[in-house]
C-alpha atoms as a PDB file:
ATOM      1  CA  UNK A   1      19.518 -11.951  -5.489  1.00  0.00           C
ATOM      2  CA  UNK A   2      16.981 -11.687  -2.691  1.00  0.00           C
ATOM      3  CA  UNK A   3      14.247  -9.110  -3.179  1.00  0.00           C
ATOM      4  CA  UNK A   4      13.479  -7.655   0.239  1.00  0.00           C
ATOM      5  CA  UNK A   5      11.057  -4.772  -0.360  1.00  0.00           C
ATOM      6  CA  UNK A   6       8.130  -3.798  -2.595  1.00  0.00           C
ATOM      7  CA  UNK A   7      10.234  -1.035  -4.121  1.00  0.00           C
ATOM      8  CA  UNK A   8      12.999  -3.437  -5.159  1.00  0.00           C
ATOM      9  CA  UNK A   9      10.544  -5.778  -6.886  1.00  0.00           C
ATOM     10  CA  UNK A  10       8.738  -3.076  -8.861  1.00  0.00           C
ATOM     11  CA  UNK A  11      11.988  -1.272  -9.714  1.00  0.00           C
ATOM     12  CA  UNK A  12      13.502  -4.338 -11.364  1.00  0.00           C
ATOM     13  CA  UNK A  13      10.433  -4.754 -13.563  1.00  0.00           C
ATOM     14  CA  UNK A  14      10.542  -1.103 -14.627  1.00  0.00           C
ATOM     15  CA  UNK A  15      14.277  -1.259 -15.331  1.00  0.00           C
ATOM     16  CA  UNK A  16      13.809  -4.273 -17.585  1.00  0.00           C
ATOM     17  CA  UNK A  17      10.962  -2.648 -19.516  1.00  0.00           C
ATOM     18  CA  UNK A  18      10.328   1.074 -19.038  1.00  0.00           C
ATOM     19  CA  UNK A  19       6.855   0.793 -20.602  1.00  0.00           C
ATOM     20  CA  UNK A  20       5.700  -0.703 -17.309  1.00  0.00           C
ATOM     21  CA  UNK A  21       6.260   2.656 -15.589  1.00  0.00           C
ATOM     22  CA  UNK A  22       3.238   4.092 -17.386  1.00  0.00           C
ATOM     23  CA  UNK A  23       1.169   0.999 -16.590  1.00  0.00           C
ATOM     24  CA  UNK A  24       1.927   1.247 -12.882  1.00  0.00           C
ATOM     25  CA  UNK A  25       1.062   4.946 -12.916  1.00  0.00           C
ATOM     26  CA  UNK A  26      -2.396   4.396 -14.413  1.00  0.00           C
ATOM     27  CA  UNK A  27      -5.431   5.241 -12.318  1.00  0.00           C
ATOM     28  CA  UNK A  28      -7.630   2.212 -11.595  1.00  0.00           C
ATOM     29  CA  UNK A  29     -10.845   3.451 -10.016  1.00  0.00           C
ATOM     30  CA  UNK A  30      -9.870   5.112  -6.717  1.00  0.00           C
ATOM     31  CA  UNK A  31      -6.181   4.144  -6.732  1.00  0.00           C
ATOM     32  CA  UNK A  32      -3.148   3.986  -8.985  1.00  0.00           C
ATOM     33  CA  UNK A  33      -1.964   0.523  -9.931  1.00  0.00           C
ATOM     34  CA  UNK A  34       1.437   1.298  -8.407  1.00  0.00           C
ATOM     35  CA  UNK A  35      -0.152   2.077  -5.033  1.00  0.00           C
ATOM     36  CA  UNK A  36      -2.216  -1.102  -4.964  1.00  0.00           C
ATOM     37  CA  UNK A  37       0.724  -3.254  -6.055  1.00  0.00           C
ATOM     38  CA  UNK A  38       2.927  -1.687  -3.384  1.00  0.00           C
ATOM     39  CA  UNK A  39       0.343  -2.450  -0.684  1.00  0.00           C
ATOM     40  CA  UNK A  40      -0.073  -6.065  -1.805  1.00  0.00           C
ATOM     41  CA  UNK A  41       3.687  -6.599  -1.696  1.00  0.00           C
ATOM     42  CA  UNK A  42       3.956  -4.772   1.634  1.00  0.00           C
ATOM     43  CA  UNK A  43       1.429  -7.107   3.249  1.00  0.00           C
ATOM     44  CA  UNK A  44       3.379 -10.074   1.906  1.00  0.00           C
ATOM     45  CA  UNK A  45       6.711  -8.863   3.253  1.00  0.00           C
ATOM     46  CA  UNK A  46       5.213  -7.873   6.607  1.00  0.00           C
ATOM     47  CA  UNK A  47       3.344 -11.085   7.350  1.00  0.00           C
ATOM     48  CA  UNK A  48       4.641 -13.826   5.052  1.00  0.00           C
ATOM     49  CA  UNK A  49       8.130 -12.812   3.954  1.00  0.00           C
ATOM     50  CA  UNK A  50       9.568 -15.575   6.155  1.00  0.00           C
ATOM     51  CA  UNK A  51       7.851 -18.395   4.264  1.00  0.00           C
ATOM     52  CA  UNK A  52       9.880 -20.767   2.111  1.00  0.00           C
ATOM     53  CA  UNK A  53       8.619 -20.221  -1.430  1.00  0.00           C
ATOM     54  CA  UNK A  54      11.667 -21.597  -3.212  1.00  0.00           C
ATOM     55  CA  UNK A  55      10.770 -23.311  -6.470  1.00  0.00           C
ATOM     56  CA  UNK A  56      13.038 -24.950  -9.035  1.00  0.00           C
ATOM     57  CA  UNK A  57      16.244 -22.893  -9.215  1.00  0.00           C
ATOM     58  CA  UNK A  58      14.751 -19.888  -7.408  1.00  0.00           C
ATOM     59  CA  UNK A  59      15.926 -20.376  -3.825  1.00  0.00           C
ATOM     60  CA  UNK A  60      14.712 -16.957  -2.655  1.00  0.00           C
ATOM     61  CA  UNK A  61      11.110 -17.296  -3.786  1.00  0.00           C
ATOM     62  CA  UNK A  62      11.420 -14.226  -6.007  1.00  0.00           C
ATOM     63  CA  UNK A  63       8.984 -15.725  -8.511  1.00  0.00           C
ATOM     64  CA  UNK A  64       6.138 -15.257  -6.029  1.00  0.00           C
ATOM     65  CA  UNK A  65       7.083 -11.624  -5.444  1.00  0.00           C
ATOM     66  CA  UNK A  66       7.017 -11.010  -9.187  1.00  0.00           C
ATOM     67  CA  UNK A  67       3.622 -12.717  -9.305  1.00  0.00           C
ATOM     68  CA  UNK A  68       2.272 -10.229  -6.752  1.00  0.00           C
ATOM     69  CA  UNK A  69       3.902  -7.317  -8.564  1.00  0.00           C
ATOM     70  CA  UNK A  70       2.322  -8.290 -11.882  1.00  0.00           C
ATOM     71  CA  UNK A  71      -1.023  -9.801 -10.876  1.00  0.00           C
ATOM     72  CA  UNK A  72      -3.035  -6.745 -12.029  1.00  0.00           C
ATOM     73  CA  UNK A  73      -0.683  -5.427 -14.703  1.00  0.00           C
ATOM     74  CA  UNK A  74      -3.252  -6.060 -17.430  1.00  0.00           C
ATOM     75  CA  UNK A  75      -5.921  -3.866 -15.840  1.00  0.00           C
ATOM     76  CA  UNK A  76      -4.844  -0.541 -17.419  1.00  0.00           C
ATOM     77  CA  UNK A  77      -5.191  -1.986 -20.931  1.00  0.00           C
ATOM     78  CA  UNK A  78      -8.535  -3.581 -20.085  1.00  0.00           C
ATOM     79  CA  UNK A  79     -10.198  -0.431 -18.744  1.00  0.00           C
ATOM     80  CA  UNK A  80     -13.428   0.817 -20.273  1.00  0.00           C
ATOM     81  CA  UNK A  81     -16.202   3.214 -19.286  1.00  0.00           C
ATOM     82  CA  UNK A  82     -17.778   0.563 -17.032  1.00  0.00           C
ATOM     83  CA  UNK A  83     -14.553  -0.328 -15.232  1.00  0.00           C
ATOM     84  CA  UNK A  84     -12.470  -3.082 -16.781  1.00  0.00           C
ATOM     85  CA  UNK A  85     -13.184  -6.157 -18.870  1.00  0.00           C
ATOM     86  CA  UNK A  86     -12.240  -9.109 -16.677  1.00  0.00           C
ATOM     87  CA  UNK A  87     -11.491 -11.572 -19.488  1.00  0.00           C
ATOM     88  CA  UNK A  88      -9.320  -9.044 -21.312  1.00  0.00           C
ATOM     89  CA  UNK A  89      -7.526  -8.215 -18.061  1.00  0.00           C
ATOM     90  CA  UNK A  90      -6.477 -11.839 -17.607  1.00  0.00           C
ATOM     91  CA  UNK A  91      -5.396 -12.181 -21.245  1.00  0.00           C
ATOM     92  CA  UNK A  92      -3.263  -9.019 -21.176  1.00  0.00           C
ATOM     93  CA  UNK A  93      -1.808  -9.833 -17.755  1.00  0.00           C
ATOM     94  CA  UNK A  94      -0.669 -13.270 -18.902  1.00  0.00           C
ATOM     95  CA  UNK A  95       0.791 -11.805 -22.100  1.00  0.00           C
ATOM     96  CA  UNK A  96       2.812  -9.170 -20.220  1.00  0.00           C
ATOM     97  CA  UNK A  97       4.081 -11.645 -17.631  1.00  0.00           C
ATOM     98  CA  UNK A  98       5.162 -14.009 -20.393  1.00  0.00           C
ATOM     99  CA  UNK A  99       6.972 -11.130 -22.079  1.00  0.00           C
ATOM    100  CA  UNK A 100       9.056 -10.534 -18.929  1.00  0.00           C
ATOM    101  CA  UNK A 101       9.515 -14.147 -17.863  1.00  0.00           C
ATOM    102  CA  UNK A 102      12.993 -14.726 -19.311  1.00  0.00           C
ATOM    103  CA  UNK A 103      14.408 -11.387 -18.146  1.00  0.00           C
ATOM    104  CA  UNK A 104      13.008 -11.899 -14.640  1.00  0.00           C
ATOM    105  CA  UNK A 105      14.304 -15.463 -14.447  1.00  0.00           C
ATOM    106  CA  UNK A 106      10.856 -16.987 -13.945  1.00  0.00           C
ATOM    107  CA  UNK A 107      10.564 -19.051 -17.126  1.00  0.00           C
ATOM    108  CA  UNK A 108      10.364 -22.344 -15.226  1.00  0.00           C
ATOM    109  CA  UNK A 109       7.709 -20.989 -12.880  1.00  0.00           C
ATOM    110  CA  UNK A 110       5.720 -19.376 -15.707  1.00  0.00           C
ATOM    111  CA  UNK A 111       3.012 -22.083 -16.042  1.00  0.00           C
ATOM    112  CA  UNK A 112       2.318 -21.799 -12.312  1.00  0.00           C
ATOM    113  CA  UNK A 113       2.217 -17.998 -12.359  1.00  0.00           C
ATOM    114  CA  UNK A 114      -0.094 -17.890 -15.370  1.00  0.00           C
ATOM    115  CA  UNK A 115      -2.471 -20.347 -13.730  1.00  0.00           C
ATOM    116  CA  UNK A 116      -2.491 -18.326 -10.502  1.00  0.00           C
ATOM    117  CA  UNK A 117      -3.436 -15.039 -12.178  1.00  0.00           C
ATOM    118  CA  UNK A 118      -6.010 -16.496 -14.564  1.00  0.00           C
ATOM    119  CA  UNK A 119      -9.142 -16.709 -12.421  1.00  0.00           C
ATOM    120  CA  UNK A 120     -10.336 -15.257  -9.104  1.00  0.00           C
ATOM    121  CA  UNK A 121     -11.647 -18.631  -7.973  1.00  0.00           C
ATOM    122  CA  UNK A 122     -11.166 -17.997  -4.251  1.00  0.00           C
ATOM    123  CA  UNK A 123     -12.627 -14.508  -4.367  1.00  0.00           C
ATOM    124  CA  UNK A 124     -15.771 -15.820  -6.034  1.00  0.00           C
ATOM    125  CA  UNK A 125     -16.041 -18.651  -3.512  1.00  0.00           C
ATOM    126  CA  UNK A 126     -15.729 -16.452  -0.430  1.00  0.00           C
ATOM    127  CA  UNK A 127     -18.143 -13.911  -1.911  1.00  0.00           C
ATOM    128  CA  UNK A 128     -20.719 -16.630  -2.501  1.00  0.00           C
ATOM    129  CA  UNK A 129     -20.528 -16.306  -6.292  1.00  0.00           C
ATOM    130  CA  UNK A 130     -19.210 -19.843  -6.768  1.00  0.00           C
ATOM    131  CA  UNK A 131     -20.270 -22.949  -4.845  1.00  0.00           C
ATOM    132  CA  UNK A 132     -17.883 -25.426  -3.246  1.00  0.00           C
ATOM    133  CA  UNK A 133     -17.923 -28.057  -5.999  1.00  0.00           C
ATOM    134  CA  UNK A 134     -17.436 -25.527  -8.787  1.00  0.00           C
ATOM    135  CA  UNK A 135     -14.590 -23.862  -6.879  1.00  0.00           C
ATOM    136  CA  UNK A 136     -12.796 -27.157  -6.330  1.00  0.00           C
ATOM    137  CA  UNK A 137     -13.178 -28.064 -10.002  1.00  0.00           C
ATOM    138  CA  UNK A 138     -11.771 -24.678 -11.045  1.00  0.00           C
ATOM    139  CA  UNK A 139      -8.829 -25.086  -8.656  1.00  0.00           C
ATOM    140  CA  UNK A 140      -8.217 -28.604  -9.978  1.00  0.00           C
ATOM    141  CA  UNK A 141      -8.170 -27.325 -13.558  1.00  0.00           C
ATOM    142  CA  UNK A 142      -5.788 -24.522 -12.622  1.00  0.00           C
ATOM    143  CA  UNK A 143      -3.536 -26.942 -10.742  1.00  0.00           C
ATOM    144  CA  UNK A 144      -3.366 -29.185 -13.809  1.00  0.00           C
ATOM    145  CA  UNK A 145      -2.475 -26.186 -15.958  1.00  0.00           C
ATOM    146  CA  UNK A 146       0.263 -25.303 -13.468  1.00  0.00           C
ATOM    147  CA  UNK A 147       1.597 -28.854 -13.370  1.00  0.00           C
ATOM    148  CA  UNK A 148       0.997 -29.132  -9.627  1.00  0.00           C
ATOM    149  CA  UNK A 149      -1.119 -31.222  -7.305  1.00  0.00           C
ATOM    150  CA  UNK A 150      -4.193 -29.371  -6.102  1.00  0.00           C
ATOM    151  CA  UNK A 151      -2.958 -29.056  -2.496  1.00  0.00           C
ATOM    152  CA  UNK A 152       0.366 -27.516  -3.585  1.00  0.00           C
ATOM    153  CA  UNK A 153      -1.411 -25.219  -6.008  1.00  0.00           C
ATOM    154  CA  UNK A 154      -3.904 -24.166  -3.346  1.00  0.00           C
ATOM    155  CA  UNK A 155      -1.069 -23.165  -1.016  1.00  0.00           C
ATOM    156  CA  UNK A 156       0.208 -20.608  -3.525  1.00  0.00           C
ATOM    157  CA  UNK A 157      -3.270 -19.519  -4.605  1.00  0.00           C
ATOM    158  CA  UNK A 158      -4.464 -18.873  -1.067  1.00  0.00           C
ATOM    159  CA  UNK A 159      -1.312 -16.979  -0.111  1.00  0.00           C
ATOM    160  CA  UNK A 160      -1.655 -14.774  -3.187  1.00  0.00           C
ATOM    161  CA  UNK A 161      -5.347 -14.235  -2.431  1.00  0.00           C
ATOM    162  CA  UNK A 162      -4.618 -13.234   1.172  1.00  0.00           C
ATOM    163  CA  UNK A 163      -2.019 -10.622   0.225  1.00  0.00           C
ATOM    164  CA  UNK A 164      -4.373  -9.060  -2.312  1.00  0.00           C
ATOM    165  CA  UNK A 165      -7.322  -9.115   0.097  1.00  0.00           C
ATOM    166  CA  UNK A 166      -5.307  -7.636   2.965  1.00  0.00           C
ATOM    167  CA  UNK A 167      -4.260  -4.621   0.893  1.00  0.00           C
ATOM    168  CA  UNK A 168      -7.825  -3.274   1.021  1.00  0.00           C
ATOM    169  CA  UNK A 169      -7.523  -2.222   4.662  1.00  0.00           C
ATOM    170  CA  UNK A 170      -6.503   0.996   6.366  1.00  0.00           C
ATOM    171  CA  UNK A 171      -3.770  -0.650   8.434  1.00  0.00           C
ATOM    172  CA  UNK A 172      -2.142  -1.798   5.181  1.00  0.00           C
ATOM    173  CA  UNK A 173      -2.066   1.786   3.937  1.00  0.00           C
ATOM    174  CA  UNK A 174      -5.191   1.585   1.819  1.00  0.00           C
ATOM    175  CA  UNK A 175      -8.690   2.910   2.295  1.00  0.00           C
ATOM    176  CA  UNK A 176     -10.895   1.290   4.979  1.00  0.00           C
ATOM    177  CA  UNK A 177     -12.868  -1.510   3.350  1.00  0.00           C
ATOM    178  CA  UNK A 178     -12.262  -5.145   4.321  1.00  0.00           C
ATOM    179  CA  UNK A 179     -11.214  -4.828   7.962  1.00  0.00           C
ATOM    180  CA  UNK A 180     -14.263  -6.845   9.048  1.00  0.00           C
ATOM    181  CA  UNK A 181     -12.812  -9.976   7.435  1.00  0.00           C
ATOM    182  CA  UNK A 182      -9.721 -10.033   9.651  1.00  0.00           C
ATOM    183  CA  UNK A 183      -8.960 -10.494  13.338  1.00  0.00           C
ATOM    184  CA  UNK A 184      -6.612  -7.879  14.777  1.00  0.00           C
ATOM    185  CA  UNK A 185      -4.180  -8.182  17.676  1.00  0.00           C
ATOM    186  CA  UNK A 186      -3.949  -4.523  18.640  1.00  0.00           C
ATOM    187  CA  UNK A 187      -6.157  -2.708  16.190  1.00  0.00           C
ATOM    188  CA  UNK A 188      -3.270  -2.196  13.773  1.00  0.00           C
ATOM    189  CA  UNK A 189      -1.753  -5.591  13.051  1.00  0.00           C
ATOM    190  CA  UNK A 190      -3.621  -8.494  11.548  1.00  0.00           C
ATOM    191  CA  UNK A 191      -3.442 -11.676  13.579  1.00  0.00           C
ATOM    192  CA  UNK A 192      -1.897 -14.760  11.985  1.00  0.00           C
ATOM    193  CA  UNK A 193      -2.101 -18.439  12.888  1.00  0.00           C
ATOM    194  CA  UNK A 194       0.469 -20.090  15.161  1.00  0.00           C
ATOM    195  CA  UNK A 195       2.401 -21.258  12.115  1.00  0.00           C
ATOM    196  CA  UNK A 196       2.333 -17.671  10.746  1.00  0.00           C
ATOM    197  CA  UNK A 197       1.294 -19.100   7.396  1.00  0.00           C
ATOM    198  CA  UNK A 198      -2.094 -17.406   7.090  1.00  0.00           C
ATOM    199  CA  UNK A 199      -4.262 -14.675   8.562  1.00  0.00           C
ATOM    200  CA  UNK A 200      -6.891 -15.327  11.207  1.00  0.00           C
ATOM    201  CA  UNK A 201     -10.215 -14.493   9.618  1.00  0.00           C
ATOM    202  CA  UNK A 202     -13.676 -13.728  10.923  1.00  0.00           C
ATOM    203  CA  UNK A 203     -15.937 -16.660  11.815  1.00  0.00           C
ATOM    204  CA  UNK A 204     -17.807 -16.769   8.496  1.00  0.00           C
ATOM    205  CA  UNK A 205     -14.616 -16.739   6.409  1.00  0.00           C
ATOM    206  CA  UNK A 206     -12.946 -19.307   8.659  1.00  0.00           C
ATOM    207  CA  UNK A 207     -15.880 -21.694   8.337  1.00  0.00           C
ATOM    208  CA  UNK A 208     -15.903 -21.441   4.540  1.00  0.00           C
ATOM    209  CA  UNK A 209     -12.125 -21.865   4.430  1.00  0.00           C
ATOM    210  CA  UNK A 210     -12.216 -24.976   6.627  1.00  0.00           C
ATOM    211  CA  UNK A 211     -14.865 -26.583   4.434  1.00  0.00           C
ATOM    212  CA  UNK A 212     -12.785 -25.894   1.318  1.00  0.00           C
ATOM    213  CA  UNK A 213      -9.494 -27.064   2.816  1.00  0.00           C
ATOM    214  CA  UNK A 214     -11.081 -30.280   4.087  1.00  0.00           C
ATOM    215  CA  UNK A 215     -12.045 -31.170   0.517  1.00  0.00           C
ATOM    216  CA  UNK A 216      -8.647 -30.268  -0.937  1.00  0.00           C
ATOM    217  CA  UNK A 217      -6.014 -31.469   1.514  1.00  0.00           C
END
């Protein structure tokens, strides 16, 4: 079955386990988890829904859509008075994804999904919180955990990162925040590369990305 909308992805998860309804409805800072998840999936379907993400017996690439739908699912249980505990968020997220893996038909892809949600390696790199060598080592460790080569792992990691990043913009339906990182075609639509496989970023981001890719590919 091909999942063709954010609503269809989230609905299947909630039908399998109704306890996820309350998790999606939790307030996380200035947004509800459901709203953020919907925006992340919407950006994926709008800009990258055409990509071939088939893996193992999943010919429709549904595993990646479930990844996006569940990437922050541990946040509600990790909330505290200061925000949320990052380490606990990753632990709970991985536990909940594992719980659903058989019912969602993503058991074979589970090691890859768990590796992808474990660490915000790209976010830290682009924010200057992790240097190039440390970032590459983290990606290599995650790729090994996923059972993939680093270039294949990076493809999924970067796509996931882009969809999450793009949701924090007004044109995506969110609050204005990260527009300055993207190049726009008409003020409303983010520009993508000729291959339509990634966004076109501002000069600073593009330079950092090129340096990273050169070391990985």
